[in-house]
Protein backbone atom coordinates (compact mmCIF):
# COMPACT_ATOMS: atom_id res chain seq x y z
CA UNK A 1 -9.33 -65.74 -89.16
CA UNK A 2 -8.80 -63.10 -86.45
CA UNK A 3 -11.87 -63.01 -83.57
CA UNK A 4 -11.72 -60.12 -81.22
CA UNK A 5 -13.17 -61.15 -77.48
CA UNK A 6 -16.61 -59.30 -78.08
CA UNK A 7 -17.65 -60.63 -81.53
CA UNK A 8 -20.38 -63.17 -81.21
CA UNK A 9 -19.60 -66.48 -81.03
CA UNK A 10 -20.07 -68.33 -84.20
CA UNK A 11 -22.17 -72.03 -84.01
CA UNK A 12 -18.97 -73.92 -83.91
CA UNK A 13 -18.02 -71.78 -80.73
CA UNK A 14 -20.85 -72.76 -78.73
CA UNK A 15 -20.77 -76.53 -80.15
CA UNK A 16 -17.20 -76.71 -78.25
CA UNK A 17 -18.63 -74.78 -75.44
CA UNK A 18 -21.65 -77.12 -74.39
CA UNK A 19 -20.01 -80.30 -75.09
CA UNK A 20 -16.91 -79.58 -72.87
CA UNK A 21 -15.35 -81.78 -70.52
CA UNK A 22 -16.31 -79.29 -67.49
CA UNK A 23 -20.30 -79.47 -68.90
CA UNK A 24 -19.89 -82.97 -69.92
CA UNK A 25 -18.99 -84.24 -66.63
CA UNK A 26 -21.40 -82.18 -64.51
CA UNK A 27 -24.27 -83.59 -67.14
CA UNK A 28 -23.45 -87.15 -66.65
CA UNK A 29 -22.92 -86.21 -62.88
CA UNK A 30 -26.15 -85.21 -62.37
CA UNK A 31 -27.42 -88.12 -64.98
CA UNK A 32 -25.82 -90.61 -62.25
CA UNK A 33 -27.44 -88.89 -59.16
CA UNK A 34 -30.63 -89.08 -60.73
CA UNK A 35 -30.41 -92.63 -61.84
CA UNK A 36 -29.47 -93.59 -58.28
CA UNK A 37 -32.88 -91.92 -56.99
CA UNK A 38 -34.72 -93.24 -58.81
CA UNK A 39 -33.01 -97.23 -58.01
CA UNK A 40 -31.90 -96.36 -54.35
CA UNK A 41 -33.93 -93.77 -53.24
CA UNK A 42 -31.18 -92.22 -51.12
CA UNK A 43 -32.49 -88.89 -51.01
CA UNK A 44 -36.01 -89.87 -49.30
CA UNK A 45 -33.48 -92.09 -47.04
CA UNK A 46 -31.59 -88.74 -46.41
CA UNK A 47 -34.75 -86.82 -45.63
CA UNK A 48 -36.17 -89.52 -42.97
CA UNK A 49 -32.84 -89.87 -41.14
CA UNK A 50 -32.53 -86.40 -40.64
CA UNK A 51 -36.62 -85.66 -39.41
CA UNK A 52 -35.80 -88.90 -37.06
CA UNK A 53 -32.87 -86.75 -35.77
CA UNK A 54 -34.50 -83.61 -35.47
CA UNK A 55 -37.65 -85.30 -34.42
CA UNK A 56 -37.80 -84.54 -30.65
CA UNK A 57 -37.31 -80.44 -31.69
CA UNK A 58 -39.62 -80.11 -34.20
CA UNK A 59 -43.28 -79.13 -32.99
CA UNK A 60 -45.77 -81.51 -32.61
CA UNK A 61 -48.43 -80.61 -34.22
CA UNK A 62 -50.70 -81.02 -37.28
CA UNK A 63 -53.80 -83.32 -38.12
CA UNK A 64 -51.42 -86.59 -38.92
CA UNK A 65 -49.59 -86.36 -35.28
CA UNK A 66 -52.93 -86.24 -33.53
CA UNK A 67 -54.70 -89.49 -35.60
CA UNK A 68 -51.69 -90.70 -34.84
CA UNK A 69 -51.58 -89.63 -31.16
CA UNK A 70 -55.26 -90.72 -30.64
CA UNK A 71 -54.58 -94.13 -31.95
CA UNK A 72 -51.35 -94.99 -29.93
CA UNK A 73 -53.76 -93.23 -26.83
CA UNK A 74 -56.39 -95.64 -27.73
CA UNK A 75 -54.48 -98.87 -28.31
CA UNK A 76 -52.75 -98.74 -25.00
CA UNK A 77 -56.02 -98.24 -23.27
CA UNK A 78 -57.35 -101.41 -25.12
CA UNK A 79 -54.33 -103.03 -23.72
CA UNK A 80 -54.69 -101.84 -20.27
CA UNK A 81 -58.66 -103.14 -20.45
CA UNK A 82 -56.78 -106.44 -22.01
CA UNK A 83 -54.82 -107.09 -19.04
CA UNK A 84 -57.05 -105.84 -16.11
CA UNK A 85 -59.58 -108.22 -17.59
CA UNK A 86 -56.73 -111.47 -17.74
CA UNK A 87 -55.69 -110.42 -14.10
CA UNK A 88 -59.05 -110.32 -12.90
CA UNK A 89 -59.84 -113.52 -14.11
CA UNK A 90 -56.49 -114.68 -12.67
CA UNK A 91 -57.98 -113.73 -9.35
CA UNK A 92 -61.35 -115.44 -9.37
CA UNK A 93 -60.14 -118.38 -10.71
CA UNK A 94 -57.71 -118.53 -7.53
CA UNK A 95 -60.52 -117.46 -5.24
CA UNK A 96 -60.44 -119.97 -1.96
CA UNK A 97 -63.40 -117.64 -0.56
CA UNK A 98 -65.59 -114.97 -1.55
CA UNK A 99 -63.77 -112.80 0.74
CA UNK A 100 -60.51 -113.45 -1.75
CA UNK A 101 -63.32 -112.99 -4.67
CA UNK A 102 -64.31 -109.17 -3.61
CA UNK A 103 -60.94 -108.35 -3.60
CA UNK A 104 -60.10 -109.53 -6.53
CA UNK A 105 -63.19 -107.86 -8.13
CA UNK A 106 -63.20 -103.97 -8.23
CA UNK A 107 -66.54 -102.07 -8.43
CA UNK A 108 -67.84 -102.44 -12.10
CA UNK A 109 -65.66 -105.12 -12.52
CA UNK A 110 -67.01 -108.47 -14.31
CA UNK A 111 -66.33 -111.98 -14.76
CA UNK A 112 -67.86 -115.73 -15.62
CA UNK A 113 -67.71 -117.99 -12.72
CA UNK A 114 -67.79 -121.86 -13.29
CA UNK A 115 -70.46 -123.52 -11.29
CA UNK A 116 -67.99 -125.76 -10.01
CA UNK A 117 -66.34 -122.86 -8.47
CA UNK A 118 -69.17 -121.58 -7.18
CA UNK A 119 -69.91 -124.61 -5.79
CA UNK A 120 -66.44 -124.87 -3.38
CA UNK A 121 -66.55 -120.72 -2.24
CA UNK A 122 -70.09 -121.85 -0.90
CA UNK A 123 -68.79 -125.09 0.51
CA UNK A 124 -65.90 -123.02 2.28
CA UNK A 125 -68.43 -120.68 4.33
CA UNK A 126 -69.11 -121.17 8.12
CA UNK A 127 -72.64 -123.69 7.71
CA UNK A 128 -74.35 -120.34 9.21
CA UNK A 129 -73.79 -118.54 6.24
CA UNK A 130 -74.21 -120.93 3.55
CA UNK A 131 -78.12 -120.88 5.00
CA UNK A 132 -78.60 -117.34 4.80
CA UNK A 133 -76.68 -116.97 1.27
CA UNK A 134 -79.45 -118.92 -0.95
CA UNK A 135 -81.50 -121.70 0.72
CA UNK A 136 -79.22 -125.17 -0.09
CA UNK A 137 -82.56 -126.60 -1.88
CA UNK A 138 -82.49 -123.56 -4.44
CA UNK A 139 -79.02 -123.95 -5.19
CA UNK A 140 -78.98 -127.65 -5.72
CA UNK A 141 -81.56 -127.04 -8.83
CA UNK A 142 -79.70 -123.97 -9.99
CA UNK A 143 -76.05 -125.49 -9.77
CA UNK A 144 -76.99 -129.19 -10.72
CA UNK A 145 -80.26 -128.74 -12.44
CA UNK A 146 -80.84 -127.73 -16.75
CA UNK A 147 -81.99 -124.09 -16.01
CA UNK A 148 -78.63 -122.23 -15.54
CA UNK A 149 -76.54 -121.53 -18.07
CA UNK A 150 -73.54 -119.64 -16.35
CA UNK A 151 -72.89 -117.65 -13.24
CA UNK A 152 -72.22 -114.03 -13.78
CA UNK A 153 -70.18 -112.16 -10.73
CA UNK A 154 -69.81 -108.10 -10.39
CA UNK A 155 -67.82 -106.25 -8.01
CA UNK A 156 -69.21 -103.48 -6.40
CA UNK A 157 -68.01 -101.01 -3.32
CA UNK A 158 -68.56 -103.41 -0.34
CA UNK A 159 -69.49 -106.11 -2.02
CA UNK A 160 -70.23 -108.26 -5.04
CA UNK A 161 -73.19 -109.03 -6.83
CA UNK A 162 -73.67 -112.62 -8.67
CA UNK A 163 -76.18 -113.33 -10.83
CA UNK A 164 -77.38 -116.51 -12.17
CA UNK A 165 -78.25 -116.65 -15.80
CA UNK A 166 -80.47 -118.96 -18.55
CA UNK A 167 -79.51 -119.56 -21.69
CA UNK A 168 -81.93 -117.07 -22.94
CA UNK A 169 -79.60 -114.27 -21.12
CA UNK A 170 -82.41 -113.82 -17.93
CA UNK A 171 -81.35 -113.67 -14.81
CA UNK A 172 -83.36 -116.29 -12.43
CA UNK A 173 -81.46 -115.70 -9.55
CA UNK A 174 -79.29 -112.85 -7.72
CA UNK A 175 -77.42 -112.34 -4.67
CA UNK A 176 -76.10 -109.56 -3.46
CA UNK A 177 -73.31 -110.24 -1.00
CA UNK A 178 -71.95 -107.95 1.97
CA UNK A 179 -68.16 -107.92 2.71
CA UNK A 180 -69.16 -108.85 6.43
CA UNK A 181 -71.48 -111.63 5.49
CA UNK A 182 -68.71 -113.09 3.18
CA UNK A 183 -66.27 -112.96 5.95
CA UNK A 184 -65.90 -115.73 8.51
CA UNK A 185 -66.70 -114.20 11.99
CA UNK A 186 -63.41 -113.03 13.29
CA UNK A 187 -61.88 -114.88 16.26
CA UNK A 188 -58.69 -112.09 17.33
CA UNK A 189 -59.65 -112.71 20.87
CA UNK A 190 -59.89 -117.09 20.71
CA UNK A 191 -57.27 -118.55 22.63
CA UNK A 192 -56.22 -118.24 26.53
CA UNK A 193 -57.54 -115.35 28.57
CA UNK A 194 -60.65 -114.59 30.30
CA UNK A 195 -63.61 -112.55 29.31
CA UNK A 196 -62.17 -109.77 32.06
CA UNK A 197 -58.93 -108.93 30.09
CA UNK A 198 -61.53 -108.27 26.83
CA UNK A 199 -62.83 -104.35 26.99
CA UNK A 200 -65.58 -105.12 24.66
CA UNK A 201 -67.65 -107.26 26.82
CA UNK A 202 -67.53 -105.26 30.25
CA UNK A 203 -70.05 -105.48 31.60
CA UNK A 204 -72.17 -107.44 29.64
CA UNK A 205 -70.84 -111.00 31.39
CA UNK A 206 -73.45 -113.58 32.98
CA UNK A 207 -72.83 -117.03 34.16
CA UNK A 208 -73.03 -119.52 31.89
CA UNK A 209 -76.19 -121.33 33.54
CA UNK A 210 -78.16 -117.70 33.23
CA UNK A 211 -77.07 -116.96 29.84
CA UNK A 212 -78.42 -120.47 29.10
CA UNK A 213 -81.33 -119.76 30.74
CA UNK A 214 -82.46 -117.25 28.88
CA UNK A 215 -81.52 -118.60 25.68
CA UNK A 216 -84.19 -121.55 26.27
CA UNK A 217 -86.84 -118.60 27.11
CA UNK A 218 -86.39 -117.29 23.56
CA UNK A 219 -88.72 -118.88 20.37
CA UNK A 220 -87.06 -122.60 19.18
CA UNK A 221 -87.20 -120.74 15.67
CA UNK A 222 -84.82 -118.01 17.23
CA UNK A 223 -82.24 -120.17 19.17
CA UNK A 224 -80.16 -120.79 15.98
CA UNK A 225 -79.90 -117.27 15.43
CA UNK A 226 -78.02 -117.05 18.58
CA UNK A 227 -76.04 -119.59 17.90
CA UNK A 228 -74.87 -119.99 15.02
CA UNK A 229 -71.60 -121.90 14.74
CA UNK A 230 -72.66 -124.20 17.28
CA UNK A 231 -70.18 -126.93 16.14
CA UNK A 232 -67.05 -125.21 17.00
CA UNK A 233 -68.38 -124.40 20.65
CA UNK A 234 -69.00 -128.19 20.85
CA UNK A 235 -64.97 -129.04 19.46
CA UNK A 236 -63.93 -127.25 22.77
CA UNK A 237 -63.03 -129.20 25.57
CA UNK A 238 -63.58 -128.22 28.91
CA UNK A 239 -66.34 -126.46 30.77
CA UNK A 240 -68.52 -123.04 29.93
CA UNK A 241 -68.14 -120.79 33.12
CA UNK A 242 -69.31 -117.55 31.39
CA UNK A 243 -70.62 -116.27 28.68
CA UNK A 244 -69.90 -112.42 27.51
CA UNK A 245 -71.59 -110.11 25.14
CA UNK A 246 -69.83 -108.03 22.93
CA UNK A 247 -70.54 -103.99 23.10
CA UNK A 248 -70.76 -103.17 19.88
CA UNK A 249 -72.07 -104.73 15.96
CA UNK A 250 -70.01 -105.77 13.12
CA UNK A 251 -72.35 -105.88 10.02
CA UNK A 252 -75.61 -106.66 11.92
CA UNK A 253 -73.67 -109.25 14.47
CA UNK A 254 -73.04 -109.59 17.94
CA UNK A 255 -70.08 -110.94 19.23
CA UNK A 256 -70.64 -113.40 21.92
CA UNK A 257 -67.91 -114.77 23.91
CA UNK A 258 -67.47 -118.21 25.82
CA UNK A 259 -65.04 -118.75 28.57
CA UNK A 260 -64.01 -122.31 28.60
CA UNK A 261 -62.41 -124.15 31.63
CA UNK A 262 -60.33 -127.22 31.66
CA UNK A 263 -58.11 -128.35 34.53
CA UNK A 264 -57.57 -125.22 35.07
CA UNK A 265 -56.91 -122.95 32.44
CA UNK A 266 -58.75 -120.81 31.02
CA UNK A 267 -60.07 -120.04 27.17
CA UNK A 268 -62.22 -117.50 25.49
CA UNK A 269 -63.82 -118.75 22.43
CA UNK A 270 -65.98 -115.99 20.34
CA UNK A 271 -68.56 -116.93 17.48
CA UNK A 272 -71.13 -114.52 16.14
CA UNK A 273 -75.04 -114.24 16.78
CA UNK A 274 -77.51 -112.40 14.79
CA UNK A 275 -78.11 -108.79 16.46
CA UNK A 276 -81.58 -109.12 16.73
CA UNK A 277 -81.64 -111.93 18.39
CA UNK A 278 -78.96 -110.89 20.65
CA UNK A 279 -81.10 -107.95 21.75
CA UNK A 280 -84.07 -110.21 22.57
CA UNK A 281 -82.09 -112.02 24.40
CA UNK A 282 -80.75 -108.71 26.51
CA UNK A 283 -84.24 -108.37 27.40
CA UNK A 284 -84.49 -111.78 29.10
CA UNK A 285 -81.27 -111.09 30.46
CA UNK A 286 -82.44 -107.48 32.19
CA UNK A 287 -85.97 -109.47 33.25
CA UNK A 288 -88.11 -107.85 30.83
CA UNK A 289 -90.55 -109.72 28.75
CA UNK A 290 -90.73 -110.57 25.07
């Protein structure tokens, strides 16, 4: 039976067209793609790789990105805080003096300190500085008694704060240390030479006998504040010829320069004295009454 091309196809023609090799191949290929996608998720993998490769060129906007950015910033900040805390504790443990401790603690930073370490830092100070820091008897009770549970140290601008805290987290003793009180008196002028070569003593140099006569006219309880580091002077060989008074103050202290003579050699040794005690001494040296 002859059929023209414009005649409507019958059921047999529709069947041959639907189940042709081309259509069957396309159907099988599509089915394999679907099965492999469900099995290996290759479509999502390719999309993810594409997004990663174009991530730098795409704008970083959206609530998800903002949340991730805030989370990353918070994590970095927390890591910085932890690292700073570790470094501060390391600096405190390695400190050999209160000066090094203050340098390792920034303003607002704090750290707990062992009683034994505080004792070592305290003993590293000159004897006169210990007396002004805290009474020895009170410190013995704080460090060796049963009251203090821990020692807490906080940095501040120009010094440190030290708290002795009991088991109830109450402060039982507080010490505020300035940088000038923590450091031993500078001895930059110690060594061979004369007082005349040190400009800071210019105009205030006295014979040793006149200086000590004035010292012994002071009230007896004032003398330890004037000559605080007597051990340094006692350990120097030779005879004191002259004594100079520095022309400026340093953190409430004034330098005293003692000129020692031995076997023709001159040496200047500097110690520090309380400003108010030197002021009283100057009144006597100038012929004024106290």
